[in-house]
């Protein structure tokens, strides 16, 4: 059998965590455990006893996959939003940011479409923060 793909590994990892949580909760409560969970856990423990790494037998290792770049993508969406306010054109803003970030316009558009709903609030927050910092950094008059 072929090794499971990333999505399959994630699915198995989440299912294993749910099964273990179910087992712990039912054991602590003194209620019967689902027979399918008991069988799965028994099989996993048998594998561990046979020498298999516990994280592998219980599907608790890192499921893999590429980590998301959410923070970077939100920043890109904010840059597109700001550029769009200046240029007045979505296309021009996408092109400018794509050129600045050395990414394709299509990549930038996909990122912007995914995170654009956050951009107005973040732009307002950033503007307010800049005002607060300017007030904080302003020279203060000495008290008499």
C-alpha atoms as a PDB file:
ATOM      1  CA  UNK A   1       0.000   0.000   0.000  1.00  0.00           C
ATOM      2  CA  UNK A   2       1.278   3.496  -0.850  1.00  0.00           C
ATOM      3  CA  UNK A   3       2.093   5.965   1.897  1.00  0.00           C
ATOM      4  CA  UNK A   4      -0.820   8.267   2.670  1.00  0.00           C
ATOM      5  CA  UNK A   5      -0.765  11.771   1.181  1.00  0.00           C
ATOM      6  CA  UNK A   6      -0.603  14.919   3.272  1.00  0.00           C
ATOM      7  CA  UNK A   7      -4.392  15.327   3.453  1.00  0.00           C
ATOM      8  CA  UNK A   8      -4.800  11.698   4.486  1.00  0.00           C
ATOM      9  CA  UNK A   9      -2.123  12.117   7.174  1.00  0.00           C
ATOM     10  CA  UNK A  10      -3.876  15.182   8.543  1.00  0.00           C
ATOM     11  CA  UNK A  11      -7.206  13.346   8.552  1.00  0.00           C
ATOM     12  CA  UNK A  12      -5.693  10.348  10.378  1.00  0.00           C
ATOM     13  CA  UNK A  13      -3.918  12.645  12.843  1.00  0.00           C
ATOM     14  CA  UNK A  14      -7.161  14.478  13.709  1.00  0.00           C
ATOM     15  CA  UNK A  15      -9.125  11.233  13.958  1.00  0.00           C
ATOM     16  CA  UNK A  16      -6.480   9.797  16.326  1.00  0.00           C
ATOM     17  CA  UNK A  17      -6.622  12.859  18.566  1.00  0.00           C
ATOM     18  CA  UNK A  18     -10.438  12.602  18.732  1.00  0.00           C
ATOM     19  CA  UNK A  19     -10.248   8.881  19.523  1.00  0.00           C
ATOM     20  CA  UNK A  20      -7.720   9.404  22.311  1.00  0.00           C
ATOM     21  CA  UNK A  21      -9.765  12.274  23.746  1.00  0.00           C
ATOM     22  CA  UNK A  22     -12.891  10.043  23.656  1.00  0.00           C
ATOM     23  CA  UNK A  23     -11.032   7.226  25.385  1.00  0.00           C
ATOM     24  CA  UNK A  24      -9.677   9.493  28.137  1.00  0.00           C
ATOM     25  CA  UNK A  25     -13.029  11.209  28.745  1.00  0.00           C
ATOM     26  CA  UNK A  26     -15.024   7.974  28.900  1.00  0.00           C
ATOM     27  CA  UNK A  27     -12.425   6.286  31.109  1.00  0.00           C
ATOM     28  CA  UNK A  28     -12.377   9.209  33.534  1.00  0.00           C
ATOM     29  CA  UNK A  29     -16.188   9.345  33.590  1.00  0.00           C
ATOM     30  CA  UNK A  30     -16.457   5.575  34.074  1.00  0.00           C
ATOM     31  CA  UNK A  31     -18.668   5.190  30.992  1.00  0.00           C
ATOM     32  CA  UNK A  32     -18.254   2.612  28.225  1.00  0.00           C
ATOM     33  CA  UNK A  33     -15.825   3.476  25.436  1.00  0.00           C
ATOM     34  CA  UNK A  34     -16.899   3.149  21.819  1.00  0.00           C
ATOM     35  CA  UNK A  35     -15.832  -0.368  20.696  1.00  0.00           C
ATOM     36  CA  UNK A  36     -14.249   1.006  17.509  1.00  0.00           C
ATOM     37  CA  UNK A  37     -12.045   3.315  19.591  1.00  0.00           C
ATOM     38  CA  UNK A  38     -11.098   0.463  21.927  1.00  0.00           C
ATOM     39  CA  UNK A  39     -10.135  -1.741  18.958  1.00  0.00           C
ATOM     40  CA  UNK A  40      -8.123   1.071  17.325  1.00  0.00           C
ATOM     41  CA  UNK A  41      -6.275   1.768  20.572  1.00  0.00           C
ATOM     42  CA  UNK A  42      -5.611  -1.947  21.145  1.00  0.00           C
ATOM     43  CA  UNK A  43      -4.182  -2.265  17.613  1.00  0.00           C
ATOM     44  CA  UNK A  44      -1.988   0.802  18.156  1.00  0.00           C
ATOM     45  CA  UNK A  45      -0.726  -0.517  21.498  1.00  0.00           C
ATOM     46  CA  UNK A  46       0.025  -3.882  19.867  1.00  0.00           C
ATOM     47  CA  UNK A  47       2.114  -2.052  17.230  1.00  0.00           C
ATOM     48  CA  UNK A  48       3.964  -0.129  19.946  1.00  0.00           C
ATOM     49  CA  UNK A  49       4.655  -3.395  21.789  1.00  0.00           C
ATOM     50  CA  UNK A  50       6.041  -4.803  18.523  1.00  0.00           C
ATOM     51  CA  UNK A  51       8.536  -1.938  18.287  1.00  0.00           C
ATOM     52  CA  UNK A  52       6.719   0.683  16.240  1.00  0.00           C
ATOM     53  CA  UNK A  53       7.338   4.274  17.295  1.00  0.00           C
ATOM     54  CA  UNK A  54       4.381   5.362  19.484  1.00  0.00           C
ATOM     55  CA  UNK A  55       3.801   8.616  17.597  1.00  0.00           C
ATOM     56  CA  UNK A  56       3.622   6.626  14.368  1.00  0.00           C
ATOM     57  CA  UNK A  57       1.343   3.902  15.771  1.00  0.00           C
ATOM     58  CA  UNK A  58      -1.016   6.483  17.280  1.00  0.00           C
ATOM     59  CA  UNK A  59      -0.796   8.854  14.256  1.00  0.00           C
ATOM     60  CA  UNK A  60       0.353  11.668  16.523  1.00  0.00           C
ATOM     61  CA  UNK A  61       3.482  12.687  14.647  1.00  0.00           C
ATOM     62  CA  UNK A  62       3.683  15.808  12.537  1.00  0.00           C
ATOM     63  CA  UNK A  63       1.162  15.312   9.723  1.00  0.00           C
ATOM     64  CA  UNK A  64       3.426  17.287   7.390  1.00  0.00           C
ATOM     65  CA  UNK A  65       2.437  19.745   4.748  1.00  0.00           C
ATOM     66  CA  UNK A  66       3.697  23.202   4.028  1.00  0.00           C
ATOM     67  CA  UNK A  67       3.113  25.739   6.795  1.00  0.00           C
ATOM     68  CA  UNK A  68       0.854  28.623   5.890  1.00  0.00           C
ATOM     69  CA  UNK A  69       2.245  32.095   5.473  1.00  0.00           C
ATOM     70  CA  UNK A  70      -0.840  33.803   6.874  1.00  0.00           C
ATOM     71  CA  UNK A  71       0.895  36.797   8.464  1.00  0.00           C
ATOM     72  CA  UNK A  72       2.854  37.513   5.299  1.00  0.00           C
ATOM     73  CA  UNK A  73      -0.269  37.138   3.156  1.00  0.00           C
ATOM     74  CA  UNK A  74      -2.295  39.490   5.358  1.00  0.00           C
ATOM     75  CA  UNK A  75       0.520  42.032   5.018  1.00  0.00           C
ATOM     76  CA  UNK A  76       0.395  41.649   1.226  1.00  0.00           C
ATOM     77  CA  UNK A  77      -3.386  42.172   1.254  1.00  0.00           C
ATOM     78  CA  UNK A  78      -2.888  45.320   3.320  1.00  0.00           C
ATOM     79  CA  UNK A  79      -0.269  46.581   0.858  1.00  0.00           C
ATOM     80  CA  UNK A  80      -2.634  45.966  -2.075  1.00  0.00           C
ATOM     81  CA  UNK A  81      -5.462  47.728  -0.225  1.00  0.00           C
ATOM     82  CA  UNK A  82      -3.281  50.761   0.513  1.00  0.00           C
ATOM     83  CA  UNK A  83      -1.909  50.859  -3.030  1.00  0.00           C
ATOM     84  CA  UNK A  84      -5.438  50.578  -4.383  1.00  0.00           C
ATOM     85  CA  UNK A  85      -6.477  53.650  -2.384  1.00  0.00           C
ATOM     86  CA  UNK A  86      -3.579  55.586  -3.896  1.00  0.00           C
ATOM     87  CA  UNK A  87      -3.789  54.367  -7.492  1.00  0.00           C
ATOM     88  CA  UNK A  88      -7.569  53.978  -7.636  1.00  0.00           C
ATOM     89  CA  UNK A  89      -7.262  50.801  -9.685  1.00  0.00           C
ATOM     90  CA  UNK A  90      -7.273  47.207  -8.488  1.00  0.00           C
ATOM     91  CA  UNK A  91      -5.229  46.050 -11.481  1.00  0.00           C
ATOM     92  CA  UNK A  92      -2.577  48.739 -11.015  1.00  0.00           C
ATOM     93  CA  UNK A  93      -2.344  47.957  -7.306  1.00  0.00           C
ATOM     94  CA  UNK A  94      -1.957  44.226  -7.972  1.00  0.00           C
ATOM     95  CA  UNK A  95       0.760  44.870 -10.562  1.00  0.00           C
ATOM     96  CA  UNK A  96       2.662  47.279  -8.309  1.00  0.00           C
ATOM     97  CA  UNK A  97       2.700  44.882  -5.371  1.00  0.00           C
ATOM     98  CA  UNK A  98       3.545  41.910  -7.601  1.00  0.00           C
ATOM     99  CA  UNK A  99       6.533  43.803  -8.957  1.00  0.00           C
ATOM    100  CA  UNK A 100       7.617  44.966  -5.480  1.00  0.00           C
ATOM    101  CA  UNK A 101       7.260  41.476  -3.972  1.00  0.00           C
ATOM    102  CA  UNK A 102       8.691  39.620  -7.003  1.00  0.00           C
ATOM    103  CA  UNK A 103       5.571  37.471  -7.306  1.00  0.00           C
ATOM    104  CA  UNK A 104       3.149  37.020 -10.170  1.00  0.00           C
ATOM    105  CA  UNK A 105       0.069  39.216 -10.421  1.00  0.00           C
ATOM    106  CA  UNK A 106      -2.040  36.071 -10.211  1.00  0.00           C
ATOM    107  CA  UNK A 107      -0.411  35.042  -6.908  1.00  0.00           C
ATOM    108  CA  UNK A 108      -0.965  38.503  -5.442  1.00  0.00           C
ATOM    109  CA  UNK A 109      -4.570  38.502  -6.655  1.00  0.00           C
ATOM    110  CA  UNK A 110      -5.232  35.143  -4.997  1.00  0.00           C
ATOM    111  CA  UNK A 111      -3.743  36.350  -1.730  1.00  0.00           C
ATOM    112  CA  UNK A 112      -5.685  39.616  -1.897  1.00  0.00           C
ATOM    113  CA  UNK A 113      -8.956  37.845  -2.652  1.00  0.00           C
ATOM    114  CA  UNK A 114      -8.443  35.567   0.340  1.00  0.00           C
ATOM    115  CA  UNK A 115      -7.506  38.250   2.885  1.00  0.00           C
ATOM    116  CA  UNK A 116      -8.964  41.509   1.517  1.00  0.00           C
ATOM    117  CA  UNK A 117     -11.782  41.445   4.078  1.00  0.00           C
ATOM    118  CA  UNK A 118      -9.171  42.132   6.796  1.00  0.00           C
ATOM    119  CA  UNK A 119      -7.426  45.006   5.041  1.00  0.00           C
ATOM    120  CA  UNK A 120      -9.754  47.951   5.878  1.00  0.00           C
ATOM    121  CA  UNK A 121      -9.760  47.201   9.600  1.00  0.00           C
ATOM    122  CA  UNK A 122      -5.996  46.651   9.621  1.00  0.00           C
ATOM    123  CA  UNK A 123      -5.399  49.886   7.697  1.00  0.00           C
ATOM    124  CA  UNK A 124      -7.517  51.814  10.216  1.00  0.00           C
ATOM    125  CA  UNK A 125      -5.687  50.139  13.094  1.00  0.00           C
ATOM    126  CA  UNK A 126      -2.301  50.924  11.582  1.00  0.00           C
ATOM    127  CA  UNK A 127      -3.276  54.567  11.019  1.00  0.00           C
ATOM    128  CA  UNK A 128      -4.508  54.912  14.605  1.00  0.00           C
ATOM    129  CA  UNK A 129      -1.345  53.261  15.907  1.00  0.00           C
ATOM    130  CA  UNK A 130       0.831  55.684  13.927  1.00  0.00           C
ATOM    131  CA  UNK A 131      -1.080  58.635  15.409  1.00  0.00           C
ATOM    132  CA  UNK A 132      -0.629  57.263  18.927  1.00  0.00           C
ATOM    133  CA  UNK A 133       3.091  56.716  18.361  1.00  0.00           C
ATOM    134  CA  UNK A 134       3.503  60.227  16.957  1.00  0.00           C
ATOM    135  CA  UNK A 135       1.837  61.665  20.059  1.00  0.00           C
ATOM    136  CA  UNK A 136       4.019  59.539  22.283  1.00  0.00           C
ATOM    137  CA  UNK A 137       7.210  60.555  20.483  1.00  0.00           C
ATOM    138  CA  UNK A 138       6.363  64.259  20.384  1.00  0.00           C
ATOM    139  CA  UNK A 139       8.594  66.376  22.618  1.00  0.00           C
ATOM    140  CA  UNK A 140       6.929  67.091  25.918  1.00  0.00           C
ATOM    141  CA  UNK A 141       6.873  70.470  27.564  1.00  0.00           C
ATOM    142  CA  UNK A 142       8.661  70.490  30.879  1.00  0.00           C
ATOM    143  CA  UNK A 143       6.436  70.981  33.888  1.00  0.00           C
ATOM    144  CA  UNK A 144       7.025  74.295  35.703  1.00  0.00           C
END
